[in-house]
């Protein structure tokens, strides 16, 4: 017969073993509510095209302080080349005194001094201030091989100058092209172009695909990340619930995950944004600001995005569209209903998403 003491010892050992087993089982079982930390917590900082208000300016340095308080660790800068219309083969660079190279280099230096890393994301702008949807960069294409070669030669000259700037200024990531749907199918030309970029630039490279056009890109193997400008319709309702918006990501999330697995590369949302209007998630890519002001709808769309990807480690980061180098400039009229989350309810969501929990939330 065992003594009472021996019985208690055996019972204690048995209970301890069960608890140890349960603890180890919980440790090894993925938690669907667990959040992974993004590597790239990015803000897009748009240039105000006026000397003293844009890149390299004092107002921009003030914006850097704000972005730091929210928890961003990367800042995306957008430079530009220009085309008269989408059928021309010449890509023009320069011509904007407010975006001269010294101003861009000063902006990069100021960001680095604040502790930010930098993504340089060149865009092609077509037709001046005319936002004709038929004259957009996604529709640049040339069936004629001669015209196509001329365009790629011209674009190569532009993007190599951007790569040289990025290398000289210590930029951490360069986007080799933005939303060039029509010409993105010419894989051989992109292979050659990316190889030339690698010859002058040693940082990380990606391409910014327009939505799920990313599935048709065949040169991801040449790059470090799959980049997507992620403006996806999440609902057809003016005032959807958070649950409905989160569910709206389901289809795209599975396709994005499959793309990541196919190329064994992480994904970056090189742009993501929502206007602060009712129904913002219906057509989030549209610039026009129809509808009533709704900071709540903008905040819900960002929260749904956070929830949809909180346990998806293939998503390396996001870049929020957008902030301005000077919020008191001529862009002020675009703030109330526009994409910027600056001092809106959506910025509280971003603040929490990026894991800044030791500071008071933005008011």
Protein backbone atom coordinates (compact mmCIF):
# COMPACT_ATOMS: atom_id res chain seq x y z
CA UNK A 1 0.00 0.00 0.00
CA UNK A 2 1.25 3.47 -0.88
CA UNK A 3 1.39 6.02 1.87
CA UNK A 4 -0.73 9.17 1.63
CA UNK A 5 2.41 11.20 0.91
CA UNK A 6 3.38 8.94 -1.97
CA UNK A 7 -0.11 9.19 -3.44
CA UNK A 8 0.03 12.99 -3.37
CA UNK A 9 3.46 12.95 -5.03
CA UNK A 10 2.23 10.69 -7.84
CA UNK A 11 -0.90 12.83 -8.31
CA UNK A 12 1.23 15.99 -8.46
CA UNK A 13 3.53 14.45 -11.08
CA UNK A 14 0.55 13.34 -13.17
CA UNK A 15 -1.06 16.79 -13.09
CA UNK A 16 2.26 18.46 -13.93
CA UNK A 17 2.75 16.12 -16.92
CA UNK A 18 -0.74 16.90 -18.25
CA UNK A 19 -0.16 20.65 -17.91
CA UNK A 20 3.21 20.37 -19.63
CA UNK A 21 1.62 18.44 -22.52
CA UNK A 22 -1.18 21.00 -22.91
CA UNK A 23 1.31 23.86 -22.82
CA UNK A 24 3.54 22.32 -25.47
CA UNK A 25 0.52 21.54 -27.66
CA UNK A 26 -0.69 25.14 -27.48
CA UNK A 27 2.79 26.38 -28.32
CA UNK A 28 2.93 24.34 -31.50
CA UNK A 29 -0.59 25.06 -32.68
CA UNK A 30 -0.92 28.16 -34.90
CA UNK A 31 -3.15 30.81 -33.41
CA UNK A 32 -5.49 32.24 -36.05
CA UNK A 33 -5.71 35.46 -34.04
CA UNK A 34 -1.95 35.92 -33.88
CA UNK A 35 -0.63 38.97 -35.72
CA UNK A 36 2.69 39.04 -37.54
CA UNK A 37 4.74 42.20 -37.59
CA UNK A 38 5.15 43.92 -40.95
CA UNK A 39 8.69 44.62 -42.09
CA UNK A 40 7.69 47.58 -44.24
CA UNK A 41 5.38 50.00 -42.45
CA UNK A 42 5.28 52.54 -45.19
CA UNK A 43 3.81 55.94 -45.94
CA UNK A 44 3.64 57.42 -49.42
CA UNK A 45 4.84 61.03 -49.20
CA UNK A 46 3.58 62.99 -52.21
CA UNK A 47 5.58 65.95 -53.49
CA UNK A 48 3.98 69.40 -53.60
CA UNK A 49 5.18 70.82 -56.90
CA UNK A 50 6.33 74.14 -55.54
CA UNK A 51 9.82 75.06 -54.39
CA UNK A 52 9.76 75.44 -50.61
CA UNK A 53 6.76 73.13 -50.16
CA UNK A 54 7.96 69.89 -51.72
CA UNK A 55 10.78 67.41 -51.27
CA UNK A 56 13.68 68.80 -49.29
CA UNK A 57 11.58 71.56 -47.71
CA UNK A 58 11.03 72.59 -44.09
CA UNK A 59 7.31 71.64 -44.17
CA UNK A 60 8.30 68.17 -45.37
CA UNK A 61 10.65 67.75 -42.43
CA UNK A 62 7.72 68.55 -40.13
CA UNK A 63 5.72 65.80 -41.85
CA UNK A 64 8.58 63.38 -41.18
CA UNK A 65 8.10 63.98 -37.45
CA UNK A 66 4.40 63.19 -37.73
CA UNK A 67 5.02 59.99 -39.69
CA UNK A 68 7.53 58.90 -37.07
CA UNK A 69 4.93 59.39 -34.33
CA UNK A 70 2.43 57.16 -36.14
CA UNK A 71 4.93 54.33 -36.40
CA UNK A 72 5.95 54.35 -40.04
CA UNK A 73 9.47 53.07 -40.66
CA UNK A 74 9.60 53.43 -44.45
CA UNK A 75 8.68 56.40 -46.65
CA UNK A 76 7.93 56.12 -50.35
CA UNK A 77 8.90 59.03 -52.60
CA UNK A 78 7.37 59.42 -56.07
CA UNK A 79 9.41 60.88 -58.89
CA UNK A 80 8.07 61.43 -62.40
CA UNK A 81 8.74 61.07 -66.08
CA UNK A 82 6.28 62.48 -68.59
CA UNK A 83 4.71 61.52 -71.92
CA UNK A 84 2.60 63.79 -74.11
CA UNK A 85 0.20 60.91 -74.74
CA UNK A 86 0.30 57.14 -74.42
CA UNK A 87 1.13 56.58 -78.11
CA UNK A 88 4.38 58.54 -78.03
CA UNK A 89 7.61 56.61 -77.66
CA UNK A 90 9.58 59.34 -75.87
CA UNK A 91 9.70 59.37 -72.08
CA UNK A 92 10.74 62.82 -70.83
CA UNK A 93 12.44 63.37 -67.49
CA UNK A 94 13.24 66.62 -65.74
CA UNK A 95 11.40 69.82 -66.53
CA UNK A 96 10.00 70.35 -63.02
CA UNK A 97 12.30 72.75 -61.12
CA UNK A 98 10.64 71.87 -57.80
CA UNK A 99 11.67 68.23 -58.25
CA UNK A 100 15.26 68.82 -59.30
CA UNK A 101 17.67 66.12 -58.17
CA UNK A 102 19.18 68.17 -55.29
CA UNK A 103 15.71 68.53 -53.71
CA UNK A 104 15.05 64.78 -53.98
CA UNK A 105 18.48 63.97 -52.55
CA UNK A 106 17.89 66.40 -49.69
CA UNK A 107 14.55 64.71 -48.93
CA UNK A 108 16.20 61.30 -48.82
CA UNK A 109 18.96 62.59 -46.54
CA UNK A 110 16.43 64.21 -44.19
CA UNK A 111 14.42 60.99 -44.00
CA UNK A 112 17.53 58.93 -43.26
CA UNK A 113 18.52 61.35 -40.51
CA UNK A 114 15.07 60.80 -38.93
CA UNK A 115 15.66 57.04 -38.99
CA UNK A 116 13.42 56.19 -41.95
CA UNK A 117 14.30 53.92 -44.82
CA UNK A 118 13.26 55.00 -48.29
CA UNK A 119 11.49 53.48 -51.28
CA UNK A 120 11.85 55.38 -54.57
CA UNK A 121 8.83 54.73 -56.79
CA UNK A 122 9.01 56.48 -60.18
CA UNK A 123 5.76 57.11 -62.06
CA UNK A 124 4.96 58.06 -65.64
CA UNK A 125 2.53 60.93 -65.96
CA UNK A 126 0.71 61.46 -69.24
CA UNK A 127 -1.03 64.53 -70.64
CA UNK A 128 -0.44 67.18 -68.01
CA UNK A 129 -3.43 67.82 -65.73
CA UNK A 130 -5.83 65.90 -67.97
CA UNK A 131 -6.94 62.75 -66.12
CA UNK A 132 -8.33 61.11 -69.26
CA UNK A 133 -8.70 57.40 -68.38
CA UNK A 134 -7.89 56.48 -71.98
CA UNK A 135 -4.55 58.25 -71.64
CA UNK A 136 -3.33 56.51 -68.49
CA UNK A 137 0.03 54.79 -68.01
CA UNK A 138 -1.59 51.36 -67.77
CA UNK A 139 -2.58 51.68 -71.44
CA UNK A 140 0.89 52.38 -72.81
CA UNK A 141 1.53 49.64 -75.39
CA UNK A 142 3.11 49.27 -78.81
CA UNK A 143 2.31 46.42 -81.17
CA UNK A 144 4.90 47.77 -83.60
CA UNK A 145 8.23 46.23 -82.47
CA UNK A 146 10.20 49.29 -83.61
CA UNK A 147 8.07 51.71 -81.57
CA UNK A 148 8.18 49.32 -78.64
CA UNK A 149 11.98 49.22 -78.73
CA UNK A 150 12.15 53.02 -78.90
CA UNK A 151 9.87 53.29 -75.88
CA UNK A 152 11.87 50.76 -73.85
CA UNK A 153 15.12 52.54 -74.78
CA UNK A 154 13.68 55.83 -73.59
CA UNK A 155 12.22 54.35 -70.41
CA UNK A 156 15.51 52.55 -69.69
CA UNK A 157 17.36 55.86 -69.84
CA UNK A 158 14.93 57.35 -67.33
CA UNK A 159 14.84 54.46 -64.88
CA UNK A 160 18.63 54.01 -64.92
CA UNK A 161 19.03 57.65 -63.93
CA UNK A 162 16.63 56.95 -61.04
CA UNK A 163 18.63 53.85 -60.09
CA UNK A 164 21.85 55.87 -60.07
CA UNK A 165 20.19 58.48 -57.85
CA UNK A 166 18.94 55.72 -55.54
CA UNK A 167 22.40 54.18 -55.29
CA UNK A 168 24.09 57.52 -54.68
CA UNK A 169 21.61 58.52 -51.97
CA UNK A 170 21.50 55.13 -50.24
CA UNK A 171 17.85 54.42 -51.04
CA UNK A 172 16.89 51.01 -49.64
CA UNK A 173 14.32 49.98 -52.28
CA UNK A 174 13.58 50.94 -55.88
CA UNK A 175 10.43 50.27 -57.88
CA UNK A 176 11.40 49.50 -61.50
CA UNK A 177 7.96 50.38 -62.92
CA UNK A 178 4.51 51.45 -61.78
CA UNK A 179 1.21 50.15 -63.22
CA UNK A 180 2.57 49.68 -66.75
CA UNK A 181 0.00 47.02 -67.62
CA UNK A 182 0.29 47.27 -71.41
CA UNK A 183 4.05 46.89 -71.65
CA UNK A 184 4.51 44.58 -68.65
CA UNK A 185 3.83 41.54 -70.84
CA UNK A 186 7.13 41.96 -72.72
CA UNK A 187 9.12 39.83 -70.32
CA UNK A 188 12.36 39.73 -72.30
CA UNK A 189 12.58 43.52 -72.34
CA UNK A 190 12.02 43.68 -68.57
CA UNK A 191 14.61 40.98 -67.96
CA UNK A 192 17.19 43.07 -69.82
CA UNK A 193 16.10 46.27 -68.08
CA UNK A 194 16.26 44.79 -64.58
CA UNK A 195 19.70 43.34 -65.29
CA UNK A 196 20.92 46.83 -66.23
CA UNK A 197 19.40 48.27 -63.05
CA UNK A 198 21.18 45.62 -60.96
CA UNK A 199 24.40 46.82 -62.59
CA UNK A 200 24.11 50.28 -61.02
CA UNK A 201 21.92 49.75 -57.95
CA UNK A 202 22.56 47.37 -55.05
CA UNK A 203 19.35 47.78 -53.03
CA UNK A 204 16.09 45.83 -53.12
CA UNK A 205 13.93 45.87 -56.25
CA UNK A 206 10.24 45.42 -56.91
CA UNK A 207 7.64 46.35 -59.53
CA UNK A 208 4.26 47.92 -58.68
CA UNK A 209 1.59 45.91 -60.47
CA UNK A 210 -1.91 47.27 -60.94
CA UNK A 211 -4.03 44.98 -58.77
CA UNK A 212 -4.18 41.38 -59.87
CA UNK A 213 -2.41 42.18 -63.12
CA UNK A 214 0.37 40.93 -60.86
CA UNK A 215 -0.69 37.40 -61.86
CA UNK A 216 0.29 38.10 -65.48
CA UNK A 217 3.75 39.44 -64.67
CA UNK A 218 6.42 36.88 -65.56
CA UNK A 219 9.56 38.64 -64.37
CA UNK A 220 9.00 38.38 -60.59
CA UNK A 221 11.96 35.98 -60.38
CA UNK A 222 14.21 38.91 -61.31
CA UNK A 223 13.01 40.98 -58.34
CA UNK A 224 13.19 40.79 -54.55
CA UNK A 225 9.48 41.30 -53.83
CA UNK A 226 6.14 41.05 -55.59
CA UNK A 227 4.66 44.54 -55.56
CA UNK A 228 0.94 45.31 -55.84
CA UNK A 229 -0.89 48.62 -55.89
CA UNK A 230 -3.78 47.15 -53.93
CA UNK A 231 -6.99 49.01 -54.76
CA UNK A 232 -9.53 46.19 -54.66
CA UNK A 233 -13.33 46.55 -54.40
CA UNK A 234 -14.27 45.06 -51.04
CA UNK A 235 -18.00 45.78 -51.04
CA UNK A 236 -20.84 47.08 -53.20
CA UNK A 237 -22.49 48.82 -50.23
CA UNK A 238 -22.28 52.44 -49.13
CA UNK A 239 -21.98 51.51 -45.45
CA UNK A 240 -20.75 47.93 -45.11
CA UNK A 241 -19.89 46.41 -41.75
CA UNK A 242 -16.36 45.60 -40.67
CA UNK A 243 -17.15 41.91 -41.07
CA UNK A 244 -18.38 42.43 -44.64
CA UNK A 245 -15.28 44.43 -45.58
CA UNK A 246 -12.97 41.84 -44.06
CA UNK A 247 -14.81 39.09 -45.95
CA UNK A 248 -14.40 41.18 -49.10
CA UNK A 249 -10.65 40.53 -48.99
CA UNK A 250 -11.09 36.73 -49.06
CA UNK A 251 -10.90 36.19 -52.83
CA UNK A 252 -7.96 38.51 -53.35
CA UNK A 253 -6.09 37.20 -50.32
CA UNK A 254 -6.13 33.63 -51.63
CA UNK A 255 -4.94 34.76 -55.06
CA UNK A 256 -2.18 36.91 -53.58
CA UNK A 257 -1.06 34.04 -51.35
CA UNK A 258 -0.95 31.69 -54.35
CA UNK A 259 1.18 34.19 -56.26
CA UNK A 260 3.58 34.48 -53.34
CA UNK A 261 3.86 30.70 -53.14
CA UNK A 262 4.37 30.34 -56.90
CA UNK A 263 7.44 32.57 -56.89
CA UNK A 264 8.49 31.94 -53.28
CA UNK A 265 8.59 35.68 -52.65
CA UNK A 266 6.91 37.96 -50.15
CA UNK A 267 4.41 40.57 -51.26
CA UNK A 268 4.43 44.31 -50.62
CA UNK A 269 1.38 46.49 -51.15
CA UNK A 270 3.33 49.26 -52.86
CA UNK A 271 0.18 51.37 -52.52
CA UNK A 272 -3.01 50.92 -50.56
CA UNK A 273 -5.53 53.60 -49.72
CA UNK A 274 -9.14 54.58 -49.23
CA UNK A 275 -10.82 57.97 -49.51
CA UNK A 276 -12.69 59.29 -46.48
CA UNK A 277 -16.14 59.09 -48.09
CA UNK A 278 -19.14 56.79 -47.78
CA UNK A 279 -18.71 53.74 -49.99
CA UNK A 280 -14.96 54.16 -50.17
CA UNK A 281 -14.42 50.41 -50.63
CA UNK A 282 -16.66 50.13 -53.72
CA UNK A 283 -14.13 51.61 -56.16
CA UNK A 284 -11.11 52.52 -54.03
CA UNK A 285 -8.95 53.34 -57.07
CA UNK A 286 -11.10 56.28 -58.17
CA UNK A 287 -9.74 59.77 -57.59
CA UNK A 288 -13.09 61.54 -57.71
CA UNK A 289 -14.50 62.32 -54.29
CA UNK A 290 -18.23 61.78 -54.71
CA UNK A 291 -20.31 60.99 -51.65
CA UNK A 292 -20.58 62.27 -48.11
CA UNK A 293 -17.57 62.68 -45.90
CA UNK A 294 -17.00 59.58 -43.77
CA UNK A 295 -13.87 59.11 -41.72
CA UNK A 296 -15.56 56.04 -40.28
CA UNK A 297 -15.75 54.25 -43.65
CA UNK A 298 -12.10 54.98 -44.36
CA UNK A 299 -11.07 53.71 -40.93
CA UNK A 300 -13.19 50.55 -41.30
CA UNK A 301 -11.57 49.75 -44.66
CA UNK A 302 -8.09 49.98 -43.15
CA UNK A 303 -9.17 47.90 -40.14
CA UNK A 304 -10.60 45.23 -42.45
CA UNK A 305 -7.28 45.13 -44.29
CA UNK A 306 -5.40 44.75 -41.04
CA UNK A 307 -7.65 41.89 -39.94
CA UNK A 308 -7.54 40.12 -43.30
CA UNK A 309 -3.73 39.99 -43.33
CA UNK A 310 -2.86 39.89 -39.64
CA UNK A 311 -1.79 36.22 -39.78
CA UNK A 312 -0.36 36.24 -43.33
CA UNK A 313 3.44 36.34 -43.05
CA UNK A 314 3.83 36.39 -46.84
CA UNK A 315 2.75 40.06 -46.68
CA UNK A 316 6.01 41.90 -45.99
CA UNK A 317 4.53 45.36 -45.79
CA UNK A 318 2.20 48.11 -46.96
CA UNK A 319 2.61 51.68 -48.18
CA UNK A 320 -0.32 53.90 -47.27
CA UNK A 321 -1.48 56.32 -49.99
CA UNK A 322 -0.91 59.17 -49.18
CA UNK A 323 0.53 62.08 -47.24
CA UNK A 324 1.76 65.43 -48.60
CA UNK A 325 5.01 67.27 -48.00
CA UNK A 326 2.91 70.27 -47.00
CA UNK A 327 -0.65 69.67 -45.81
CA UNK A 328 -1.37 73.42 -45.90
CA UNK A 329 -0.55 73.77 -49.59
CA UNK A 330 -2.87 73.82 -52.59
CA UNK A 331 -3.67 70.15 -51.84
CA UNK A 332 -5.59 71.22 -48.72
CA UNK A 333 -8.87 70.99 -50.65
CA UNK A 334 -8.26 67.27 -51.22
CA UNK A 335 -7.81 66.47 -47.55
CA UNK A 336 -11.36 66.25 -46.20
CA UNK A 337 -12.62 63.60 -48.65
CA UNK A 338 -9.30 62.52 -50.10
CA UNK A 339 -7.02 59.53 -49.60
CA UNK A 340 -4.84 60.98 -46.89
CA UNK A 341 -5.39 59.51 -43.40
CA UNK A 342 -3.61 62.51 -41.89
CA UNK A 343 -5.18 63.22 -38.47
CA UNK A 344 -8.27 61.20 -39.35
CA UNK A 345 -9.76 58.17 -37.61
CA UNK A 346 -7.99 55.87 -40.07
CA UNK A 347 -4.66 57.03 -38.67
CA UNK A 348 -5.58 55.54 -35.29
CA UNK A 349 -6.08 52.18 -37.03
CA UNK A 350 -2.70 52.47 -38.75
CA UNK A 351 -1.10 53.47 -35.45
CA UNK A 352 -2.39 50.30 -33.78
CA UNK A 353 -1.65 48.12 -36.83
CA UNK A 354 1.99 49.13 -36.81
CA UNK A 355 2.35 48.15 -33.18
CA UNK A 356 3.02 51.50 -31.54
CA UNK A 357 1.43 50.78 -28.20
CA UNK A 358 3.60 52.85 -25.87
CA UNK A 359 2.34 56.22 -27.10
CA UNK A 360 -0.97 57.98 -26.86
CA UNK A 361 -3.09 57.43 -29.97
CA UNK A 362 -3.43 60.25 -32.49
CA UNK A 363 -6.35 62.53 -31.76
